[in-house]
Structures are given as C-alpha cells and as structure tokens.
Amino acid sequence: MNERDEIGSDLVPDYITSVRPGAFYGWPYSYYGQHVDTRVQPQRPDLVASAVVPDYALGPHTASLGLAFSANAIALPETWRHGVFISQHGSWNRRPKSGYQVIYIPFADGQPMAPPTEVLGNFLSPDDSHAHGRPVGLTVDGLGALLVADDVGGVVWQVKAAP
C-alpha cells in the first residue's frame, strides 16, 4: 500500500498487510494505524480508533507499486519461492531518495518473517540525481522467472537463476 505524501521525508511508510473483511485501514483520517492526519477535516475519531495497524513497513516514500507472490517462481533459487516480490518505483519527494529497486520478503505461515532482500537495484545514478530505471509491474512468467516492467528504461527485465 502506498501511503500519503507531504508529511516529511520519513513519514509515512508504505506497507503490506493482510486484508480483513470489514476492516478500516485509516484513509483518509489516519495513517499507519491510528496516527491522525490533522490535515483532514472534519475529523473522524470513531473511525481512527478502529484503524488497523499494517503488518509490515516497507519504508517511507518507496512507491511500492508491484507485488507478485513467488510460489510458481521455479526458475529462481529455492530461497525465493516462499514469499513476495515487490517493485519499488521510488520516491519523488524524499531526501535521501528511497525505493528504486525490487525486493523479496520471505513468508512463513502466511506472515512476513525477515527483512527484505534486494533482487534488482542500482537504478539510481551514484549521486542520486538521475533514475536509470523505475521498476513498476511484476509477474511470474510461464517458465517460473520473474518479469519486471521498468517504465523509465522502457524494458521488461527477466530475473532467473544463473545456469
């Protein structure tokens, strides 16, 4: 989930979370659970009190746009077949910049179980002034490889284990 902007470089973290029937996730009255967004009027303290805290923070302003579960990713190493891939398109208003990568988060029993591992990166120039790529869409193809659409580089990357 992409969170809101213009509260500062370190707020608000994007996140992944389970979806529960009837649950309230804060928008637009609160962010990341019950943190009130004072810019919204009128306030709704009744809704904010019931806002669900997300399961897993992905970092502020990462613009985590793509998500692909890895169960069928048989062309990738076994250690990347029990979790989720997330494409992080990258920040437009954060200093220092964040995102601009594809990460993998392992799961156990339906829950994230470890910090993310970078799958694809180095999409920013060394001084962070220019993006060479911005990963956006993800899918696992029919051969079990990860496909990553890059809307700045104008390419689709295929990620698979080395032969």
C-alpha atoms as a PDB file:
ATOM      1  CA  MET A   1       0.000   0.000   0.000  1.00  0.00           C
ATOM      2  CA  ASN A   2       1.240   3.447  -0.853  1.00  0.00           C
ATOM      3  CA  GLU A   3       0.727   5.900   1.944  1.00  0.00           C
ATOM      4  CA  ARG A   4       0.382   9.666   1.783  1.00  0.00           C
ATOM      5  CA  ASP A   5       2.861  12.421   0.961  1.00  0.00           C
ATOM      6  CA  GLU A   6       3.795  15.850   2.272  1.00  0.00           C
ATOM      7  CA  ILE A   7       4.221  14.942   5.962  1.00  0.00           C
ATOM      8  CA  GLY A   8       8.017  14.766   5.704  1.00  0.00           C
ATOM      9  CA  SER A   9      10.797  12.601   4.303  1.00  0.00           C
ATOM     10  CA  ASP A  10      10.422   9.895   6.943  1.00  0.00           C
ATOM     11  CA  LEU A  11       6.615   9.706   7.066  1.00  0.00           C
ATOM     12  CA  VAL A  12       4.641   7.731   6.106  1.00  0.00           C
ATOM     13  CA  PRO A  13       5.959   4.206   5.447  1.00  0.00           C
ATOM     14  CA  ASP A  14       4.442   2.272   2.587  1.00  0.00           C
ATOM     15  CA  TYR A  15       3.384  -1.183   3.735  1.00  0.00           C
ATOM     16  CA  ILE A  16       1.983  -4.624   3.057  1.00  0.00           C
ATOM     17  CA  THR A  17      -0.782  -6.023   5.197  1.00  0.00           C
ATOM     18  CA  SER A  18      -3.403  -8.720   5.287  1.00  0.00           C
ATOM     19  CA  VAL A  19      -6.878  -7.713   4.163  1.00  0.00           C
ATOM     20  CA  ARG A  20      -9.638  -8.462   6.626  1.00  0.00           C
ATOM     21  CA  PRO A  21     -13.337  -8.254   5.764  1.00  0.00           C
ATOM     22  CA  GLY A  22     -14.854  -5.072   7.162  1.00  0.00           C
ATOM     23  CA  ALA A  23     -11.538  -3.707   8.491  1.00  0.00           C
ATOM     24  CA  PHE A  24     -10.738   0.003   8.334  1.00  0.00           C
ATOM     25  CA  TYR A  25      -7.198   0.945   7.297  1.00  0.00           C
ATOM     26  CA  GLY A  26      -7.273   4.656   8.070  1.00  0.00           C
ATOM     27  CA  TRP A  27      -7.777   6.513   4.805  1.00  0.00           C
ATOM     28  CA  PRO A  28      -8.127   9.466   4.822  1.00  0.00           C
ATOM     29  CA  TYR A  29      -8.372  10.142   8.555  1.00  0.00           C
ATOM     30  CA  SER A  30      -5.285   8.360   9.833  1.00  0.00           C
ATOM     31  CA  TYR A  31      -2.110   6.738   8.571  1.00  0.00           C
ATOM     32  CA  TYR A  32      -0.254   3.580   9.575  1.00  0.00           C
ATOM     33  CA  GLY A  33      -2.929   2.615  12.035  1.00  0.00           C
ATOM     34  CA  GLN A  34      -4.189   5.315  14.366  1.00  0.00           C
ATOM     35  CA  HIS A  35      -1.824   8.211  13.541  1.00  0.00           C
ATOM     36  CA  VAL A  36      -4.221  11.087  12.880  1.00  0.00           C
ATOM     37  CA  ASP A  37      -3.745  13.122   9.715  1.00  0.00           C
ATOM     38  CA  THR A  38      -4.616  16.565  11.054  1.00  0.00           C
ATOM     39  CA  ARG A  39      -4.926  17.956   7.512  1.00  0.00           C
ATOM     40  CA  VAL A  40      -8.209  16.101   7.017  1.00  0.00           C
ATOM     41  CA  GLN A  41     -11.352  17.910   8.088  1.00  0.00           C
ATOM     42  CA  PRO A  42     -13.746  17.017   9.528  1.00  0.00           C
ATOM     43  CA  GLN A  43     -12.003  14.501  11.785  1.00  0.00           C
ATOM     44  CA  ARG A  44     -13.473  11.040  12.442  1.00  0.00           C
ATOM     45  CA  PRO A  45     -12.107   9.813  15.794  1.00  0.00           C
ATOM     46  CA  ASP A  46     -14.626   6.961  15.770  1.00  0.00           C
ATOM     47  CA  LEU A  47     -13.048   5.536  12.601  1.00  0.00           C
ATOM     48  CA  VAL A  48      -9.469   6.297  13.656  1.00  0.00           C
ATOM     49  CA  ALA A  49      -9.987   4.305  16.868  1.00  0.00           C
ATOM     50  CA  SER A  50     -10.695   1.212  14.775  1.00  0.00           C
ATOM     51  CA  ALA A  51      -7.888   1.667  12.203  1.00  0.00           C
ATOM     52  CA  VAL A  52      -5.791  -1.473  11.673  1.00  0.00           C
ATOM     53  CA  VAL A  53      -2.017  -1.234  12.101  1.00  0.00           C
ATOM     54  CA  PRO A  54      -0.345  -2.680   8.972  1.00  0.00           C
ATOM     55  CA  ASP A  55       1.612  -5.949   9.185  1.00  0.00           C
ATOM     56  CA  TYR A  56       4.928  -4.876   7.594  1.00  0.00           C
ATOM     57  CA  ALA A  57       6.531  -1.481   6.832  1.00  0.00           C
ATOM     58  CA  LEU A  58       8.339  -1.103   3.506  1.00  0.00           C
ATOM     59  CA  GLY A  59       9.927   2.283   4.167  1.00  0.00           C
ATOM     60  CA  PRO A  60       8.786   5.844   3.539  1.00  0.00           C
ATOM     61  CA  HIS A  61       8.001   7.023   0.022  1.00  0.00           C
ATOM     62  CA  THR A  62       9.220   3.860  -1.721  1.00  0.00           C
ATOM     63  CA  ALA A  63       6.188   3.893  -4.060  1.00  0.00           C
ATOM     64  CA  SER A  64       5.820   0.129  -3.799  1.00  0.00           C
ATOM     65  CA  LEU A  65       3.601  -0.448  -6.831  1.00  0.00           C
ATOM     66  CA  GLY A  66       4.018  -4.067  -7.950  1.00  0.00           C
ATOM     67  CA  LEU A  67       3.517  -7.253  -5.972  1.00  0.00           C
ATOM     68  CA  ALA A  68       3.947 -10.869  -7.082  1.00  0.00           C
ATOM     69  CA  PHE A  69       3.833 -13.950  -4.898  1.00  0.00           C
ATOM     70  CA  SER A  70       6.679 -16.320  -5.651  1.00  0.00           C
ATOM     71  CA  ALA A  71       5.067 -19.764  -5.289  1.00  0.00           C
ATOM     72  CA  ASN A  72       5.429 -20.540  -9.030  1.00  0.00           C
ATOM     73  CA  ALA A  73       8.857 -18.932  -9.458  1.00  0.00           C
ATOM     74  CA  ILE A  74      10.584 -22.230 -10.233  1.00  0.00           C
ATOM     75  CA  ALA A  75      13.305 -20.550 -12.331  1.00  0.00           C
ATOM     76  CA  LEU A  76      14.532 -18.752  -9.205  1.00  0.00           C
ATOM     77  CA  PRO A  77      16.511 -20.109  -6.258  1.00  0.00           C
ATOM     78  CA  GLU A  78      14.524 -22.121  -3.704  1.00  0.00           C
ATOM     79  CA  THR A  79      15.111 -19.403  -1.097  1.00  0.00           C
ATOM     80  CA  TRP A  80      12.982 -17.019  -3.235  1.00  0.00           C
ATOM     81  CA  ARG A  81       9.976 -19.321  -3.677  1.00  0.00           C
ATOM     82  CA  HIS A  82       8.125 -18.742  -0.408  1.00  0.00           C
ATOM     83  CA  GLY A  83       7.309 -15.058  -0.223  1.00  0.00           C
ATOM     84  CA  VAL A  84       6.555 -11.947  -2.198  1.00  0.00           C
ATOM     85  CA  PHE A  85       8.405  -9.734  -4.671  1.00  0.00           C
ATOM     86  CA  ILE A  86       7.708  -6.006  -4.508  1.00  0.00           C
ATOM     87  CA  SER A  87       8.703  -3.386  -7.066  1.00  0.00           C
ATOM     88  CA  GLN A  88       9.559  -0.038  -5.550  1.00  0.00           C
ATOM     89  CA  HIS A  89       9.114   2.673  -8.167  1.00  0.00           C
ATOM     90  CA  GLY A  90      10.926   5.205  -5.998  1.00  0.00           C
ATOM     91  CA  SER A  91      10.346   8.457  -4.179  1.00  0.00           C
ATOM     92  CA  TRP A  92       9.752  11.777  -5.851  1.00  0.00           C
ATOM     93  CA  ASN A  93       9.818  13.915  -2.722  1.00  0.00           C
ATOM     94  CA  ARG A  94      12.107  12.220  -0.201  1.00  0.00           C
ATOM     95  CA  ARG A  95      15.656  13.112   0.763  1.00  0.00           C
ATOM     96  CA  PRO A  96      17.509  10.830   0.610  1.00  0.00           C
ATOM     97  CA  LYS A  97      15.665   9.050  -2.162  1.00  0.00           C
ATOM     98  CA  SER A  98      14.223   5.616  -1.406  1.00  0.00           C
ATOM     99  CA  GLY A  99      12.872   2.717  -3.407  1.00  0.00           C
ATOM    100  CA  TYR A 100      14.154   2.293  -6.975  1.00  0.00           C
ATOM    101  CA  GLN A 101      14.549  -1.465  -6.519  1.00  0.00           C
ATOM    102  CA  VAL A 102      12.811  -4.826  -6.465  1.00  0.00           C
ATOM    103  CA  ILE A 103      12.824  -6.589  -3.113  1.00  0.00           C
ATOM    104  CA  TYR A 104      11.887 -10.055  -1.875  1.00  0.00           C
ATOM    105  CA  ILE A 105      10.294 -10.727   1.521  1.00  0.00           C
ATOM    106  CA  PRO A 106      10.179 -14.349   2.726  1.00  0.00           C
ATOM    107  CA  PHE A 107       6.985 -15.603   4.349  1.00  0.00           C
ATOM    108  CA  ALA A 108       6.244 -18.403   6.829  1.00  0.00           C
ATOM    109  CA  ASP A 109       2.718 -19.426   7.769  1.00  0.00           C
ATOM    110  CA  GLY A 110       1.313 -16.542   5.731  1.00  0.00           C
ATOM    111  CA  GLN A 111       3.352 -13.855   7.526  1.00  0.00           C
ATOM    112  CA  PRO A 112       6.482 -11.879   6.592  1.00  0.00           C
ATOM    113  CA  MET A 113       9.378 -13.456   8.502  1.00  0.00           C
ATOM    114  CA  ALA A 114      12.542 -11.491   7.702  1.00  0.00           C
ATOM    115  CA  PRO A 115      13.857  -8.182   6.378  1.00  0.00           C
ATOM    116  CA  PRO A 116      13.720  -7.662   2.613  1.00  0.00           C
ATOM    117  CA  THR A 117      16.452  -8.787   0.234  1.00  0.00           C
ATOM    118  CA  GLU A 118      17.270  -6.677  -2.815  1.00  0.00           C
ATOM    119  CA  VAL A 119      16.609  -8.595  -6.052  1.00  0.00           C
ATOM    120  CA  LEU A 120      17.281  -5.786  -8.547  1.00  0.00           C
ATOM    121  CA  GLY A 121      18.833  -2.436  -7.728  1.00  0.00           C
ATOM    122  CA  ASN A 122      21.264   0.256  -8.824  1.00  0.00           C
ATOM    123  CA  PHE A 123      18.553   2.114 -10.721  1.00  0.00           C
ATOM    124  CA  LEU A 124      19.843   5.475  -9.410  1.00  0.00           C
ATOM    125  CA  SER A 125      22.982   7.294 -10.508  1.00  0.00           C
ATOM    126  CA  PRO A 126      25.768   7.352  -7.868  1.00  0.00           C
ATOM    127  CA  ASP A 127      24.790  10.894  -6.796  1.00  0.00           C
ATOM    128  CA  ASP A 128      21.043  10.036  -6.785  1.00  0.00           C
ATOM    129  CA  SER A 129      20.360  12.781  -9.350  1.00  0.00           C
ATOM    130  CA  HIS A 130      19.096  10.533 -12.157  1.00  0.00           C
ATOM    131  CA  ALA A 131      16.985   7.373 -12.309  1.00  0.00           C
ATOM    132  CA  HIS A 132      18.187   4.890 -14.931  1.00  0.00           C
ATOM    133  CA  GLY A 133      15.083   2.824 -14.252  1.00  0.00           C
ATOM    134  CA  ARG A 134      11.984   2.659 -12.081  1.00  0.00           C
ATOM    135  CA  PRO A 135      10.521  -0.816 -11.590  1.00  0.00           C
ATOM    136  CA  VAL A 136       6.749  -0.864 -11.598  1.00  0.00           C
ATOM    137  CA  GLY A 137       4.917  -4.058 -12.628  1.00  0.00           C
ATOM    138  CA  LEU A 138       5.787  -7.617 -11.639  1.00  0.00           C
ATOM    139  CA  THR A 139       4.648 -11.081 -12.617  1.00  0.00           C
ATOM    140  CA  VAL A 140       5.996 -14.614 -12.679  1.00  0.00           C
ATOM    141  CA  ASP A 141       6.039 -15.907 -16.267  1.00  0.00           C
ATOM    142  CA  GLY A 142       5.102 -19.371 -17.528  1.00  0.00           C
ATOM    143  CA  LEU A 143       8.692 -20.594 -17.125  1.00  0.00           C
ATOM    144  CA  GLY A 144       8.852 -19.521 -13.480  1.00  0.00           C
ATOM    145  CA  ALA A 145      11.040 -16.431 -13.952  1.00  0.00           C
ATOM    146  CA  LEU A 146      10.253 -13.014 -12.500  1.00  0.00           C
ATOM    147  CA  LEU A 147       9.362 -10.319 -15.044  1.00  0.00           C
ATOM    148  CA  VAL A 148       9.856  -6.681 -14.038  1.00  0.00           C
ATOM    149  CA  ALA A 149       8.461  -3.789 -16.095  1.00  0.00           C
ATOM    150  CA  ASP A 150      10.654  -0.668 -15.974  1.00  0.00           C
ATOM    151  CA  ASP A 151       8.745   2.433 -17.076  1.00  0.00           C
ATOM    152  CA  VAL A 152      11.795   4.709 -17.277  1.00  0.00           C
ATOM    153  CA  GLY A 153      14.178   2.310 -19.002  1.00  0.00           C
ATOM    154  CA  GLY A 154      11.370   1.133 -21.289  1.00  0.00           C
ATOM    155  CA  VAL A 155      12.257  -2.536 -20.812  1.00  0.00           C
ATOM    156  CA  VAL A 156      10.987  -5.693 -19.164  1.00  0.00           C
ATOM    157  CA  TRP A 157      13.655  -7.435 -17.104  1.00  0.00           C
ATOM    158  CA  GLN A 158      13.627 -11.217 -16.707  1.00  0.00           C
ATOM    159  CA  VAL A 159      15.107 -12.494 -13.467  1.00  0.00           C
ATOM    160  CA  LYS A 160      16.061 -16.160 -13.118  1.00  0.00           C
ATOM    161  CA  ALA A 161      18.754 -18.260 -11.519  1.00  0.00           C
ATOM    162  CA  ALA A 162      22.121 -18.441 -13.245  1.00  0.00           C
ATOM    163  CA  PRO A 163      22.596 -21.665 -15.221  1.00  0.00           C
END
